[in-house]
N, C-alpha and C. Protein backbone atom coordinates (compact mmCIF):
# COMPACT_ATOMS: atom_id res chain seq x y z
N VAL A 1 0.86 -1.18 0.00
CA VAL A 1 0.00 0.00 0.00
C VAL A 1 0.89 1.23 0.00
N THR A 2 0.70 2.09 -0.96
CA THR A 2 1.53 3.28 -1.10
C THR A 2 0.98 4.46 -0.31
N CYS A 3 -0.33 4.67 -0.36
CA CYS A 3 -0.92 5.88 0.21
C CYS A 3 -1.24 5.75 1.70
N LYS A 4 -1.26 4.55 2.22
CA LYS A 4 -1.54 4.29 3.64
C LYS A 4 -2.96 4.65 4.04
N GLN A 5 -3.86 4.85 3.06
CA GLN A 5 -5.25 5.14 3.37
C GLN A 5 -5.94 3.85 3.84
N PRO A 6 -6.84 3.95 4.81
CA PRO A 6 -7.56 2.77 5.26
C PRO A 6 -8.43 2.21 4.13
N ILE A 7 -8.51 0.90 4.05
CA ILE A 7 -9.33 0.24 3.05
C ILE A 7 -10.58 -0.28 3.76
N SER A 8 -11.74 0.14 3.27
CA SER A 8 -13.00 -0.29 3.88
C SER A 8 -13.58 -1.46 3.10
N ALA A 9 -14.68 -1.98 3.59
CA ALA A 9 -15.35 -3.09 2.93
C ALA A 9 -15.87 -2.69 1.56
N HIS A 10 -16.06 -1.39 1.31
CA HIS A 10 -16.59 -0.91 0.04
C HIS A 10 -15.50 -0.39 -0.90
N SER A 11 -14.26 -0.45 -0.48
CA SER A 11 -13.15 0.04 -1.32
C SER A 11 -12.89 -0.93 -2.47
N LYS A 12 -12.56 -0.37 -3.62
CA LYS A 12 -12.14 -1.19 -4.76
C LYS A 12 -10.64 -1.41 -4.62
N ILE A 13 -10.23 -2.65 -4.51
CA ILE A 13 -8.81 -2.94 -4.32
C ILE A 13 -8.33 -3.97 -5.34
N SER A 14 -7.04 -4.00 -5.54
CA SER A 14 -6.35 -5.02 -6.33
C SER A 14 -5.25 -5.58 -5.45
N MET A 15 -4.88 -6.81 -5.70
CA MET A 15 -3.78 -7.41 -4.96
C MET A 15 -2.51 -7.28 -5.80
N VAL A 16 -1.46 -6.77 -5.17
CA VAL A 16 -0.16 -6.62 -5.82
C VAL A 16 0.87 -7.26 -4.91
N ASP A 17 1.53 -8.30 -5.42
CA ASP A 17 2.51 -9.03 -4.62
C ASP A 17 1.93 -9.47 -3.28
N GLY A 18 0.66 -9.89 -3.31
CA GLY A 18 0.01 -10.40 -2.10
C GLY A 18 -0.44 -9.33 -1.13
N GLN A 19 -0.34 -8.06 -1.51
CA GLN A 19 -0.73 -6.95 -0.64
C GLN A 19 -1.89 -6.17 -1.27
N PRO A 20 -2.83 -5.67 -0.45
CA PRO A 20 -3.93 -4.89 -1.01
C PRO A 20 -3.44 -3.53 -1.51
N CYS A 21 -4.01 -3.11 -2.62
CA CYS A 21 -3.63 -1.84 -3.23
C CYS A 21 -4.91 -1.13 -3.65
N CYS A 22 -5.12 0.12 -3.18
CA CYS A 22 -6.33 0.85 -3.53
C CYS A 22 -6.32 1.16 -5.03
N ALA A 23 -7.50 1.49 -5.56
CA ALA A 23 -7.64 1.75 -6.99
C ALA A 23 -6.72 2.87 -7.47
N LYS A 24 -6.62 3.95 -6.72
CA LYS A 24 -5.77 5.09 -7.12
C LYS A 24 -4.29 4.68 -7.20
N CYS A 25 -3.80 4.00 -6.16
CA CYS A 25 -2.39 3.58 -6.16
C CYS A 25 -2.13 2.56 -7.27
N TYR A 26 -3.09 1.65 -7.50
CA TYR A 26 -2.92 0.67 -8.56
C TYR A 26 -2.81 1.38 -9.92
N GLU A 27 -3.71 2.31 -10.18
CA GLU A 27 -3.66 3.05 -11.45
C GLU A 27 -2.36 3.82 -11.60
N ASP A 28 -1.90 4.44 -10.53
CA ASP A 28 -0.66 5.23 -10.57
C ASP A 28 0.58 4.38 -10.79
N SER A 29 0.60 3.17 -10.24
CA SER A 29 1.84 2.39 -10.21
C SER A 29 1.84 1.10 -11.03
N HIS A 30 0.68 0.49 -11.26
CA HIS A 30 0.68 -0.85 -11.82
C HIS A 30 -0.18 -1.04 -13.06
N ALA A 31 -1.08 -0.12 -13.35
CA ALA A 31 -2.00 -0.31 -14.47
C ALA A 31 -1.27 -0.19 -15.81
N LYS A 32 -1.79 -0.89 -16.81
CA LYS A 32 -1.29 -0.71 -18.16
C LYS A 32 -1.61 0.72 -18.57
N ARG A 33 -0.80 1.30 -19.45
CA ARG A 33 -0.99 2.67 -19.92
C ARG A 33 -1.28 2.66 -21.42
N CYS A 34 -2.21 3.48 -21.82
CA CYS A 34 -2.56 3.62 -23.23
C CYS A 34 -1.37 4.24 -23.98
N THR A 35 -1.00 3.64 -25.10
CA THR A 35 0.11 4.12 -25.90
C THR A 35 -0.14 5.53 -26.44
N LEU A 36 -1.40 5.86 -26.73
CA LEU A 36 -1.70 7.19 -27.29
C LEU A 36 -1.85 8.26 -26.21
N CYS A 37 -2.75 8.05 -25.26
CA CYS A 37 -3.06 9.13 -24.30
C CYS A 37 -2.29 9.01 -22.98
N GLN A 38 -1.63 7.90 -22.76
CA GLN A 38 -0.83 7.65 -21.55
C GLN A 38 -1.66 7.54 -20.26
N LYS A 39 -2.98 7.51 -20.37
CA LYS A 39 -3.83 7.33 -19.19
C LYS A 39 -3.90 5.85 -18.85
N ALA A 40 -4.20 5.57 -17.59
CA ALA A 40 -4.29 4.19 -17.13
C ALA A 40 -5.44 3.47 -17.82
N ILE A 41 -5.24 2.20 -18.10
CA ILE A 41 -6.31 1.34 -18.59
C ILE A 41 -6.82 0.59 -17.37
N ILE A 42 -7.99 0.99 -16.91
CA ILE A 42 -8.53 0.46 -15.66
C ILE A 42 -9.42 -0.75 -15.93
N ALA A 43 -9.72 -1.49 -14.88
CA ALA A 43 -10.56 -2.68 -14.98
C ALA A 43 -11.91 -2.32 -15.58
N ASP A 44 -12.48 -3.26 -16.29
CA ASP A 44 -13.80 -3.13 -16.90
C ASP A 44 -13.85 -2.13 -18.06
N VAL A 45 -12.70 -1.70 -18.58
CA VAL A 45 -12.66 -0.81 -19.74
C VAL A 45 -12.10 -1.61 -20.91
N GLU A 46 -12.78 -1.53 -22.06
CA GLU A 46 -12.29 -2.26 -23.23
C GLU A 46 -10.99 -1.63 -23.73
N TYR A 47 -10.04 -2.50 -24.09
CA TYR A 47 -8.78 -2.02 -24.64
C TYR A 47 -8.27 -3.00 -25.67
N LEU A 48 -7.32 -2.55 -26.47
CA LEU A 48 -6.69 -3.39 -27.48
C LEU A 48 -5.22 -3.54 -27.14
N GLU A 49 -4.68 -4.71 -27.47
CA GLU A 49 -3.27 -4.99 -27.22
C GLU A 49 -2.64 -5.47 -28.52
N PHE A 50 -1.47 -4.94 -28.84
CA PHE A 50 -0.73 -5.36 -30.02
C PHE A 50 0.74 -5.13 -29.76
N GLU A 51 1.55 -6.18 -29.94
CA GLU A 51 3.00 -6.12 -29.76
C GLU A 51 3.40 -5.45 -28.44
N ASP A 52 2.80 -5.91 -27.35
CA ASP A 52 3.09 -5.41 -26.00
C ASP A 52 2.79 -3.93 -25.81
N LYS A 53 1.88 -3.40 -26.61
CA LYS A 53 1.40 -2.03 -26.45
C LYS A 53 -0.11 -2.10 -26.25
N TYR A 54 -0.65 -1.11 -25.56
CA TYR A 54 -2.06 -1.11 -25.20
C TYR A 54 -2.71 0.21 -25.57
N TRP A 55 -3.98 0.16 -25.98
CA TRP A 55 -4.75 1.35 -26.33
C TRP A 55 -6.15 1.22 -25.77
N HIS A 56 -6.72 2.34 -25.30
CA HIS A 56 -8.15 2.37 -25.06
C HIS A 56 -8.80 2.14 -26.42
N LYS A 57 -9.96 1.51 -26.42
CA LYS A 57 -10.62 1.22 -27.69
C LYS A 57 -10.80 2.50 -28.52
N GLU A 58 -11.16 3.61 -27.86
CA GLU A 58 -11.39 4.87 -28.59
C GLU A 58 -10.10 5.56 -29.02
N CYS A 59 -8.95 5.13 -28.51
CA CYS A 59 -7.66 5.73 -28.88
C CYS A 59 -6.97 5.00 -30.02
N PHE A 60 -7.44 3.81 -30.37
CA PHE A 60 -6.77 3.00 -31.38
C PHE A 60 -7.20 3.47 -32.77
N THR A 61 -6.30 4.11 -33.50
CA THR A 61 -6.58 4.62 -34.84
C THR A 61 -5.48 4.21 -35.81
N CYS A 62 -5.80 4.30 -37.07
CA CYS A 62 -4.82 4.06 -38.12
C CYS A 62 -3.73 5.13 -38.03
N SER A 63 -2.48 4.73 -38.09
CA SER A 63 -1.39 5.70 -37.96
C SER A 63 -1.25 6.59 -39.20
N LYS A 64 -1.87 6.20 -40.32
CA LYS A 64 -1.78 7.01 -41.54
C LYS A 64 -2.98 7.93 -41.73
N CYS A 65 -4.20 7.38 -41.56
CA CYS A 65 -5.40 8.19 -41.87
C CYS A 65 -6.18 8.61 -40.62
N GLN A 66 -5.80 8.12 -39.46
CA GLN A 66 -6.42 8.46 -38.17
C GLN A 66 -7.85 7.95 -38.02
N VAL A 67 -8.28 7.02 -38.88
CA VAL A 67 -9.63 6.45 -38.76
C VAL A 67 -9.66 5.50 -37.57
N LEU A 68 -10.72 5.63 -36.77
CA LEU A 68 -10.90 4.73 -35.63
C LEU A 68 -11.15 3.32 -36.13
N ASN A 69 -10.60 2.36 -35.40
CA ASN A 69 -10.82 0.95 -35.75
C ASN A 69 -11.74 0.30 -34.76
């Protein structure tokens, strides 16, 4: 736990190396990052993966014509 904030029964947490991690700390330190916008790709959000790179679905465009895929 990075922030040392108390975790309640209603907190959204992830386990990292066997330790609880709040949603904010997980996003800041462990979440995949979108190659285009650099924002965290959080749980329950659709994303695309190609060659170890990740994009939010709405950020994935053709590199030549910018058309959304």
